[in-house]
Amino acid sequence: MINRKLGKRPAKHDPRTYRLAPVLAGHLPAAPEAHDWTVGVPFEMWGNDRFGCCAFAAQAAHLAMWTRAAQAVTVLPTSTVLSNYAEVTGFDPTTGANDDGTILLDELSHWRRDGLVRPGQPGRDYLTAYGAIDPRDRDGIKRAVCFLGGVLSGVQVPNGFLSLPLGATWDWNAITDHAPAGGHAIAIGGYDSAGIFFNTWGTRTFMPWTTFERIADEAYGLLSRQNWLTIPGLSPLGEDVEALVAEMRAA
């Protein structure tokens, strides 16, 4: 059986965190019924079969989705994912010590303020801005996925999902063991009328909206000028998001 680790620590809800859904609605059009950036993306396990580095595997998944759509695909090596996990949390990649997981807001704050390691380019990778979205706000999730390229979400995984084959649909109604196994970070990169497409444990996976809304306890829209904007400065769908960037960075 393939090992899979969890690693999202309890959600930290800071009232100062920017609320993203209203500004998305103000600056961007309504999202289409379906859109999916996950198709054909070379997702990897990124060490999440051995360590609770799911938040940083999700970061690597976002980089792969963004760059495949906007530039040229970048796939971080597992060593870099573990190095970023270590930098933010104190995890030791050599011994496996301090493998205690990650508070998602801590990761996002560090990524925006201090950057994360990214080989093959000068400097570090910086997140331009991020904002919280209520996981039950389908329109907000759809807009963030469609126009910003993805959503980082934290979910409480029921035991029954851990015994599913990798890539099998996460459907609450299809399992019997609903006891919570722990927190997990996922990278959402697509949706349709029935649910969301996301990366977990190196595999594109589907989850119905009703299941997501039941198990998700936090969600964040991410904006990366460095990775998401094309050479003309537009998103892959041709949206000019500079006004959105300015408003989010001023918050």
C-alpha atoms as a PDB file:
ATOM      1  CA  MET A   1       0.000   0.000   0.000  1.00  0.00           C
ATOM      2  CA  ILE A   2       1.268   3.487  -0.836  1.00  0.00           C
ATOM      3  CA  ASN A   3       2.002   5.532   2.254  1.00  0.00           C
ATOM      4  CA  ARG A   4       0.362   8.917   2.564  1.00  0.00           C
ATOM      5  CA  LYS A   5       0.922  11.429   5.327  1.00  0.00           C
ATOM      6  CA  LEU A   6      -1.187  14.242   6.658  1.00  0.00           C
ATOM      7  CA  GLY A   7       0.355  17.367   8.144  1.00  0.00           C
ATOM      8  CA  LYS A   8      -1.955  20.362   8.293  1.00  0.00           C
ATOM      9  CA  ARG A   9      -2.073  21.784  11.772  1.00  0.00           C
ATOM     10  CA  PRO A  10      -5.311  23.308  13.130  1.00  0.00           C
ATOM     11  CA  ALA A  11      -6.533  26.305  11.173  1.00  0.00           C
ATOM     12  CA  LYS A  12      -5.467  29.696  12.496  1.00  0.00           C
ATOM     13  CA  HIS A  13      -8.140  32.251  11.655  1.00  0.00           C
ATOM     14  CA  ASP A  14      -6.568  35.689  11.931  1.00  0.00           C
ATOM     15  CA  PRO A  15      -9.170  38.484  11.636  1.00  0.00           C
ATOM     16  CA  ARG A  16      -6.555  40.608   9.842  1.00  0.00           C
ATOM     17  CA  THR A  17      -6.371  38.136   6.934  1.00  0.00           C
ATOM     18  CA  TYR A  18      -7.616  39.721   3.730  1.00  0.00           C
ATOM     19  CA  ARG A  19     -11.098  38.538   2.675  1.00  0.00           C
ATOM     20  CA  LEU A  20     -10.746  37.731  -0.983  1.00  0.00           C
ATOM     21  CA  ALA A  21     -14.183  36.835  -2.345  1.00  0.00           C
ATOM     22  CA  PRO A  22     -15.660  40.387  -2.381  1.00  0.00           C
ATOM     23  CA  VAL A  23     -12.683  41.848  -4.254  1.00  0.00           C
ATOM     24  CA  LEU A  24     -12.734  38.994  -6.775  1.00  0.00           C
ATOM     25  CA  ALA A  25     -16.401  39.713  -7.432  1.00  0.00           C
ATOM     26  CA  GLY A  26     -15.601  43.409  -7.816  1.00  0.00           C
ATOM     27  CA  HIS A  27     -12.677  43.024 -10.224  1.00  0.00           C
ATOM     28  CA  LEU A  28     -13.357  39.835 -12.151  1.00  0.00           C
ATOM     29  CA  PRO A  29     -16.274  38.498 -14.212  1.00  0.00           C
ATOM     30  CA  ALA A  30     -18.439  35.610 -13.120  1.00  0.00           C
ATOM     31  CA  ALA A  31     -16.608  32.325 -13.369  1.00  0.00           C
ATOM     32  CA  PRO A  32     -17.671  29.883 -16.068  1.00  0.00           C
ATOM     33  CA  GLU A  33     -19.548  26.721 -15.152  1.00  0.00           C
ATOM     34  CA  ALA A  34     -16.355  24.670 -15.366  1.00  0.00           C
ATOM     35  CA  HIS A  35     -12.630  25.304 -15.646  1.00  0.00           C
ATOM     36  CA  ASP A  36      -9.650  23.066 -14.963  1.00  0.00           C
ATOM     37  CA  TRP A  37      -5.922  23.862 -14.761  1.00  0.00           C
ATOM     38  CA  THR A  38      -5.000  20.408 -13.402  1.00  0.00           C
ATOM     39  CA  VAL A  39      -5.222  18.421 -16.644  1.00  0.00           C
ATOM     40  CA  GLY A  40      -1.803  17.240 -17.793  1.00  0.00           C
ATOM     41  CA  VAL A  41       0.105  18.776 -14.887  1.00  0.00           C
ATOM     42  CA  PRO A  42       3.006  16.488 -13.789  1.00  0.00           C
ATOM     43  CA  PHE A  43       2.123  16.295 -10.108  1.00  0.00           C
ATOM     44  CA  GLU A  44       4.485  14.383  -7.834  1.00  0.00           C
ATOM     45  CA  MET A  45       4.330  12.955  -4.315  1.00  0.00           C
ATOM     46  CA  TRP A  46       6.945  15.520  -3.191  1.00  0.00           C
ATOM     47  CA  GLY A  47       7.845  13.561  -0.061  1.00  0.00           C
ATOM     48  CA  ASN A  48       4.314  13.480   1.325  1.00  0.00           C
ATOM     49  CA  ASP A  49       4.425   9.696   1.543  1.00  0.00           C
ATOM     50  CA  ARG A  50       7.178   9.994   4.175  1.00  0.00           C
ATOM     51  CA  PHE A  51       6.628  13.340   5.869  1.00  0.00           C
ATOM     52  CA  GLY A  52       3.804  15.685   6.793  1.00  0.00           C
ATOM     53  CA  CYS A  53       4.868  18.247   4.199  1.00  0.00           C
ATOM     54  CA  CYS A  54       1.466  18.484   2.490  1.00  0.00           C
ATOM     55  CA  ALA A  55       1.372  22.293   2.667  1.00  0.00           C
ATOM     56  CA  PHE A  56       4.610  22.513   0.698  1.00  0.00           C
ATOM     57  CA  ALA A  57       3.599  19.738  -1.708  1.00  0.00           C
ATOM     58  CA  ALA A  58       0.530  21.905  -2.364  1.00  0.00           C
ATOM     59  CA  GLN A  59       2.819  24.890  -2.985  1.00  0.00           C
ATOM     60  CA  ALA A  60       4.805  22.829  -5.503  1.00  0.00           C
ATOM     61  CA  ALA A  61       1.534  21.776  -7.163  1.00  0.00           C
ATOM     62  CA  HIS A  62       0.482  25.415  -7.523  1.00  0.00           C
ATOM     63  CA  LEU A  63       3.821  26.318  -9.099  1.00  0.00           C
ATOM     64  CA  ALA A  64       3.416  23.489 -11.593  1.00  0.00           C
ATOM     65  CA  MET A  65      -0.154  24.513 -12.470  1.00  0.00           C
ATOM     66  CA  TRP A  66       0.658  28.219 -12.781  1.00  0.00           C
ATOM     67  CA  THR A  67       3.773  27.832 -14.863  1.00  0.00           C
ATOM     68  CA  ARG A  68       2.281  25.199 -17.155  1.00  0.00           C
ATOM     69  CA  ALA A  69      -0.578  27.566 -17.950  1.00  0.00           C
ATOM     70  CA  ALA A  70       1.305  30.864 -18.141  1.00  0.00           C
ATOM     71  CA  GLN A  71       4.959  30.211 -18.934  1.00  0.00           C
ATOM     72  CA  ALA A  72       6.865  26.908 -19.065  1.00  0.00           C
ATOM     73  CA  VAL A  73       6.105  24.215 -16.528  1.00  0.00           C
ATOM     74  CA  THR A  74       8.289  24.167 -13.416  1.00  0.00           C
ATOM     75  CA  VAL A  75       8.361  21.041 -11.261  1.00  0.00           C
ATOM     76  CA  LEU A  76      10.149  21.461  -7.951  1.00  0.00           C
ATOM     77  CA  PRO A  77      12.384  18.599  -6.813  1.00  0.00           C
ATOM     78  CA  THR A  78      11.373  16.865  -3.603  1.00  0.00           C
ATOM     79  CA  SER A  79      14.543  18.141  -1.938  1.00  0.00           C
ATOM     80  CA  THR A  80      13.357  21.724  -2.451  1.00  0.00           C
ATOM     81  CA  VAL A  81       9.887  20.970  -1.091  1.00  0.00           C
ATOM     82  CA  LEU A  82      11.428  19.476   2.045  1.00  0.00           C
ATOM     83  CA  SER A  83      13.868  22.375   2.334  1.00  0.00           C
ATOM     84  CA  ASN A  84      10.972  24.841   2.288  1.00  0.00           C
ATOM     85  CA  TYR A  85       9.111  22.771   4.875  1.00  0.00           C
ATOM     86  CA  ALA A  86      12.221  22.895   7.041  1.00  0.00           C
ATOM     87  CA  GLU A  87      12.700  26.646   6.601  1.00  0.00           C
ATOM     88  CA  VAL A  88       9.207  27.507   7.776  1.00  0.00           C
ATOM     89  CA  THR A  89       8.638  24.903  10.494  1.00  0.00           C
ATOM     90  CA  GLY A  90      12.005  23.684  11.819  1.00  0.00           C
ATOM     91  CA  PHE A  91      11.614  20.219  10.289  1.00  0.00           C
ATOM     92  CA  ASP A  92      14.920  18.357   9.790  1.00  0.00           C
ATOM     93  CA  PRO A  93      14.998  16.637   6.367  1.00  0.00           C
ATOM     94  CA  THR A  94      18.054  14.593   7.333  1.00  0.00           C
ATOM     95  CA  THR A  95      16.718  12.990  10.503  1.00  0.00           C
ATOM     96  CA  GLY A  96      12.969  13.516  10.063  1.00  0.00           C
ATOM     97  CA  ALA A  97      12.825  15.306  13.418  1.00  0.00           C
ATOM     98  CA  ASN A  98      10.212  17.985  14.069  1.00  0.00           C
ATOM     99  CA  ASP A  99       7.872  16.570  11.435  1.00  0.00           C
ATOM    100  CA  ASP A 100       4.957  18.319  13.104  1.00  0.00           C
ATOM    101  CA  GLY A 101       3.103  19.732  10.110  1.00  0.00           C
ATOM    102  CA  THR A 102       2.304  23.297   9.136  1.00  0.00           C
ATOM    103  CA  ILE A 103      -0.123  26.086   9.962  1.00  0.00           C
ATOM    104  CA  LEU A 104      -1.210  27.260   6.515  1.00  0.00           C
ATOM    105  CA  LEU A 105      -1.263  30.939   7.435  1.00  0.00           C
ATOM    106  CA  ASP A 106       2.345  30.642   8.650  1.00  0.00           C
ATOM    107  CA  GLU A 107       3.362  29.147   5.313  1.00  0.00           C
ATOM    108  CA  LEU A 108       1.543  31.827   3.314  1.00  0.00           C
ATOM    109  CA  SER A 109       2.942  34.670   5.393  1.00  0.00           C
ATOM    110  CA  HIS A 110       6.494  33.354   4.994  1.00  0.00           C
ATOM    111  CA  TRP A 111       6.035  32.770   1.265  1.00  0.00           C
ATOM    112  CA  ARG A 112       4.820  36.335   0.748  1.00  0.00           C
ATOM    113  CA  ARG A 113       7.259  38.071   3.105  1.00  0.00           C
ATOM    114  CA  ASP A 114      10.471  36.044   2.839  1.00  0.00           C
ATOM    115  CA  GLY A 115       9.962  33.902  -0.234  1.00  0.00           C
ATOM    116  CA  LEU A 116      10.617  30.192  -0.676  1.00  0.00           C
ATOM    117  CA  VAL A 117      13.450  28.329  -2.375  1.00  0.00           C
ATOM    118  CA  ARG A 118      13.060  27.747  -6.081  1.00  0.00           C
ATOM    119  CA  PRO A 119      16.051  26.382  -8.024  1.00  0.00           C
ATOM    120  CA  GLY A 120      16.783  27.382 -11.583  1.00  0.00           C
ATOM    121  CA  GLN A 121      16.057  31.078 -11.266  1.00  0.00           C
ATOM    122  CA  PRO A 122      17.764  34.043  -9.620  1.00  0.00           C
ATOM    123  CA  GLY A 123      16.403  34.889  -6.224  1.00  0.00           C
ATOM    124  CA  ARG A 124      13.517  33.257  -4.412  1.00  0.00           C
ATOM    125  CA  ASP A 125       9.868  32.618  -5.215  1.00  0.00           C
ATOM    126  CA  TYR A 126       7.535  35.207  -3.675  1.00  0.00           C
ATOM    127  CA  LEU A 127       3.788  35.020  -3.351  1.00  0.00           C
ATOM    128  CA  THR A 128       2.336  38.386  -4.358  1.00  0.00           C
ATOM    129  CA  ALA A 129      -0.741  38.232  -2.127  1.00  0.00           C
ATOM    130  CA  TYR A 130      -3.293  35.880  -0.634  1.00  0.00           C
ATOM    131  CA  GLY A 131      -6.749  36.113   0.841  1.00  0.00           C
ATOM    132  CA  ALA A 132      -9.159  33.926   2.769  1.00  0.00           C
ATOM    133  CA  ILE A 133     -12.264  32.493   1.130  1.00  0.00           C
ATOM    134  CA  ASP A 134     -15.101  30.772   2.969  1.00  0.00           C
ATOM    135  CA  PRO A 135     -14.905  27.126   1.760  1.00  0.00           C
ATOM    136  CA  ARG A 136     -18.684  27.177   1.347  1.00  0.00           C
ATOM    137  CA  ASP A 137     -18.526  30.169  -1.017  1.00  0.00           C
ATOM    138  CA  ARG A 138     -18.618  28.284  -4.321  1.00  0.00           C
ATOM    139  CA  ASP A 139     -18.524  31.423  -6.428  1.00  0.00           C
ATOM    140  CA  GLY A 140     -15.458  32.677  -4.551  1.00  0.00           C
ATOM    141  CA  ILE A 141     -13.677  29.336  -4.937  1.00  0.00           C
ATOM    142  CA  LYS A 142     -14.565  29.203  -8.650  1.00  0.00           C
ATOM    143  CA  ARG A 143     -13.311  32.733  -9.354  1.00  0.00           C
ATOM    144  CA  ALA A 144     -10.045  32.139  -7.496  1.00  0.00           C
ATOM    145  CA  VAL A 145      -9.428  28.876  -9.348  1.00  0.00           C
ATOM    146  CA  CYS A 146     -10.392  30.193 -12.765  1.00  0.00           C
ATOM    147  CA  PHE A 147      -8.738  33.606 -12.717  1.00  0.00           C
ATOM    148  CA  LEU A 148      -5.912  33.211 -10.167  1.00  0.00           C
ATOM    149  CA  GLY A 149      -5.012  29.623 -11.020  1.00  0.00           C
ATOM    150  CA  GLY A 150      -5.827  27.810  -7.822  1.00  0.00           C
ATOM    151  CA  VAL A 151      -6.871  27.673  -4.181  1.00  0.00           C
ATOM    152  CA  LEU A 152      -4.922  26.323  -1.224  1.00  0.00           C
ATOM    153  CA  SER A 153      -7.339  24.566   1.103  1.00  0.00           C
ATOM    154  CA  GLY A 154      -7.116  22.782   4.406  1.00  0.00           C
ATOM    155  CA  VAL A 155      -9.377  19.798   4.974  1.00  0.00           C
ATOM    156  CA  GLN A 156     -10.072  17.336   7.770  1.00  0.00           C
ATOM    157  CA  VAL A 157      -9.643  13.935   6.152  1.00  0.00           C
ATOM    158  CA  PRO A 158     -11.945  11.087   7.267  1.00  0.00           C
ATOM    159  CA  ASN A 159     -10.312   7.703   7.814  1.00  0.00           C
ATOM    160  CA  GLY A 160     -12.240   6.185   4.934  1.00  0.00           C
ATOM    161  CA  PHE A 161     -10.402   8.318   2.377  1.00  0.00           C
ATOM    162  CA  LEU A 162      -7.011   6.992   3.469  1.00  0.00           C
ATOM    163  CA  SER A 163      -7.829   3.504   2.229  1.00  0.00           C
ATOM    164  CA  LEU A 164      -8.993   4.637  -1.224  1.00  0.00           C
ATOM    165  CA  PRO A 165      -6.706   4.099  -4.228  1.00  0.00           C
ATOM    166  CA  LEU A 166      -4.785   7.210  -5.194  1.00  0.00           C
ATOM    167  CA  GLY A 167      -6.926   9.273  -7.551  1.00  0.00           C
ATOM    168  CA  ALA A 168     -10.222   7.740  -6.425  1.00  0.00           C
ATOM    169  CA  THR A 169     -13.042  10.242  -5.855  1.00  0.00           C
ATOM    170  CA  TRP A 170     -13.298  11.634  -2.339  1.00  0.00           C
ATOM    171  CA  ASP A 171     -17.016  11.189  -1.733  1.00  0.00           C
ATOM    172  CA  TRP A 172     -18.268  11.374   1.851  1.00  0.00           C
ATOM    173  CA  ASN A 173     -21.320   9.287   0.965  1.00  0.00           C
ATOM    174  CA  ALA A 174     -19.217   6.459  -0.508  1.00  0.00           C
ATOM    175  CA  ILE A 175     -17.310   5.625   2.703  1.00  0.00           C
ATOM    176  CA  THR A 176     -18.419   4.299   6.075  1.00  0.00           C
ATOM    177  CA  ASP A 177     -15.550   5.403   8.337  1.00  0.00           C
ATOM    178  CA  HIS A 178     -16.045   9.133   8.808  1.00  0.00           C
ATOM    179  CA  ALA A 179     -13.877   9.489  11.906  1.00  0.00           C
ATOM    180  CA  PRO A 180     -11.350  12.305  11.350  1.00  0.00           C
ATOM    181  CA  ALA A 181      -7.800  11.147  10.632  1.00  0.00           C
ATOM    182  CA  GLY A 182      -6.271  14.636  10.687  1.00  0.00           C
ATOM    183  CA  GLY A 183      -5.689  17.790   8.712  1.00  0.00           C
ATOM    184  CA  HIS A 184      -4.361  17.911   5.165  1.00  0.00           C
ATOM    185  CA  ALA A 185      -3.505  20.634   2.636  1.00  0.00           C
ATOM    186  CA  ILE A 186      -4.671  20.296  -0.965  1.00  0.00           C
ATOM    187  CA  ALA A 187      -4.100  22.371  -4.111  1.00  0.00           C
ATOM    188  CA  ILE A 188      -7.395  22.990  -5.916  1.00  0.00           C
ATOM    189  CA  GLY A 189      -6.918  23.705  -9.598  1.00  0.00           C
ATOM    190  CA  GLY A 190     -10.217  22.929 -11.281  1.00  0.00           C
ATOM    191  CA  TYR A 191     -13.960  22.588 -10.844  1.00  0.00           C
ATOM    192  CA  ASP A 192     -17.199  21.796 -12.606  1.00  0.00           C
ATOM    193  CA  SER A 193     -20.843  21.814 -11.562  1.00  0.00           C
ATOM    194  CA  ALA A 194     -20.354  18.622  -9.545  1.00  0.00           C
ATOM    195  CA  GLY A 195     -17.194  19.415  -7.589  1.00  0.00           C
ATOM    196  CA  ILE A 196     -13.505  20.272  -7.531  1.00  0.00           C
ATOM    197  CA  PHE A 197     -10.310  18.811  -9.013  1.00  0.00           C
ATOM    198  CA  PHE A 198      -7.257  18.932  -6.777  1.00  0.00           C
ATOM    199  CA  ASN A 199      -3.815  17.484  -6.259  1.00  0.00           C
ATOM    200  CA  THR A 200      -3.110  15.267  -3.304  1.00  0.00           C
ATOM    201  CA  TRP A 201      -0.304  12.745  -2.868  1.00  0.00           C
ATOM    202  CA  GLY A 202       0.868  13.380  -6.410  1.00  0.00           C
ATOM    203  CA  THR A 203      -2.437  12.552  -8.062  1.00  0.00           C
ATOM    204  CA  ARG A 204      -5.227  14.543  -9.672  1.00  0.00           C
ATOM    205  CA  THR A 205      -8.351  13.761  -7.647  1.00  0.00           C
ATOM    206  CA  PHE A 206     -12.033  14.760  -7.699  1.00  0.00           C
ATOM    207  CA  MET A 207     -14.263  15.692  -4.768  1.00  0.00           C
ATOM    208  CA  PRO A 208     -17.980  16.626  -4.871  1.00  0.00           C
ATOM    209  CA  TRP A 209     -18.828  20.132  -3.684  1.00  0.00           C
ATOM    210  CA  THR A 210     -20.901  18.741  -0.814  1.00  0.00           C
ATOM    211  CA  THR A 211     -17.950  16.712   0.476  1.00  0.00           C
ATOM    212  CA  PHE A 212     -15.544  19.629   0.168  1.00  0.00           C
ATOM    213  CA  GLU A 213     -17.890  21.932   2.038  1.00  0.00           C
ATOM    214  CA  ARG A 214     -18.241  19.329   4.788  1.00  0.00           C
ATOM    215  CA  ILE A 215     -14.523  18.660   5.388  1.00  0.00           C
ATOM    216  CA  ALA A 216     -12.803  21.960   4.480  1.00  0.00           C
ATOM    217  CA  ASP A 217     -11.960  24.269   7.362  1.00  0.00           C
ATOM    218  CA  GLU A 218      -9.931  26.931   5.495  1.00  0.00           C
ATOM    219  CA  ALA A 219      -9.285  28.102   1.947  1.00  0.00           C
ATOM    220  CA  TYR A 220      -7.069  30.787   0.397  1.00  0.00           C
ATOM    221  CA  GLY A 221      -6.904  32.315  -3.030  1.00  0.00           C
ATOM    222  CA  LEU A 222      -3.290  32.848  -4.104  1.00  0.00           C
ATOM    223  CA  LEU A 223      -1.923  35.492  -6.442  1.00  0.00           C
ATOM    224  CA  SER A 224       1.532  35.025  -7.957  1.00  0.00           C
ATOM    225  CA  ARG A 225       2.652  37.729 -10.349  1.00  0.00           C
ATOM    226  CA  GLN A 226       5.963  35.850 -10.674  1.00  0.00           C
ATOM    227  CA  ASN A 227       4.399  32.615 -11.936  1.00  0.00           C
ATOM    228  CA  TRP A 228       0.860  33.330 -13.124  1.00  0.00           C
ATOM    229  CA  LEU A 229       1.211  36.383 -15.340  1.00  0.00           C
ATOM    230  CA  THR A 230       2.358  35.929 -18.919  1.00  0.00           C
ATOM    231  CA  ILE A 231       4.976  38.108 -20.634  1.00  0.00           C
ATOM    232  CA  PRO A 232       2.374  40.797 -21.573  1.00  0.00           C
ATOM    233  CA  GLY A 233       1.427  40.982 -17.876  1.00  0.00           C
ATOM    234  CA  LEU A 234      -1.948  39.281 -18.238  1.00  0.00           C
ATOM    235  CA  SER A 235      -3.290  36.053 -16.788  1.00  0.00           C
ATOM    236  CA  PRO A 236      -3.482  33.015 -19.114  1.00  0.00           C
ATOM    237  CA  LEU A 237      -7.151  33.899 -19.752  1.00  0.00           C
ATOM    238  CA  GLY A 238      -6.201  37.446 -20.702  1.00  0.00           C
ATOM    239  CA  GLU A 239      -7.378  39.120 -17.499  1.00  0.00           C
ATOM    240  CA  ASP A 240      -5.573  42.252 -16.334  1.00  0.00           C
ATOM    241  CA  VAL A 241      -5.265  41.578 -12.612  1.00  0.00           C
ATOM    242  CA  GLU A 242      -3.035  44.535 -11.721  1.00  0.00           C
ATOM    243  CA  ALA A 243      -5.866  46.395  -9.990  1.00  0.00           C
ATOM    244  CA  LEU A 244      -6.523  43.264  -7.969  1.00  0.00           C
ATOM    245  CA  VAL A 245      -2.808  42.986  -7.158  1.00  0.00           C
ATOM    246  CA  ALA A 246      -2.703  46.590  -5.977  1.00  0.00           C
ATOM    247  CA  GLU A 247      -5.767  46.219  -3.749  1.00  0.00           C
ATOM    248  CA  MET A 248      -4.584  42.974  -2.185  1.00  0.00           C
ATOM    249  CA  ARG A 249      -1.048  44.242  -1.560  1.00  0.00           C
ATOM    250  CA  ALA A 250      -2.366  47.415   0.041  1.00  0.00           C
ATOM    251  CA  ALA A 251      -4.407  45.412   2.547  1.00  0.00           C
END
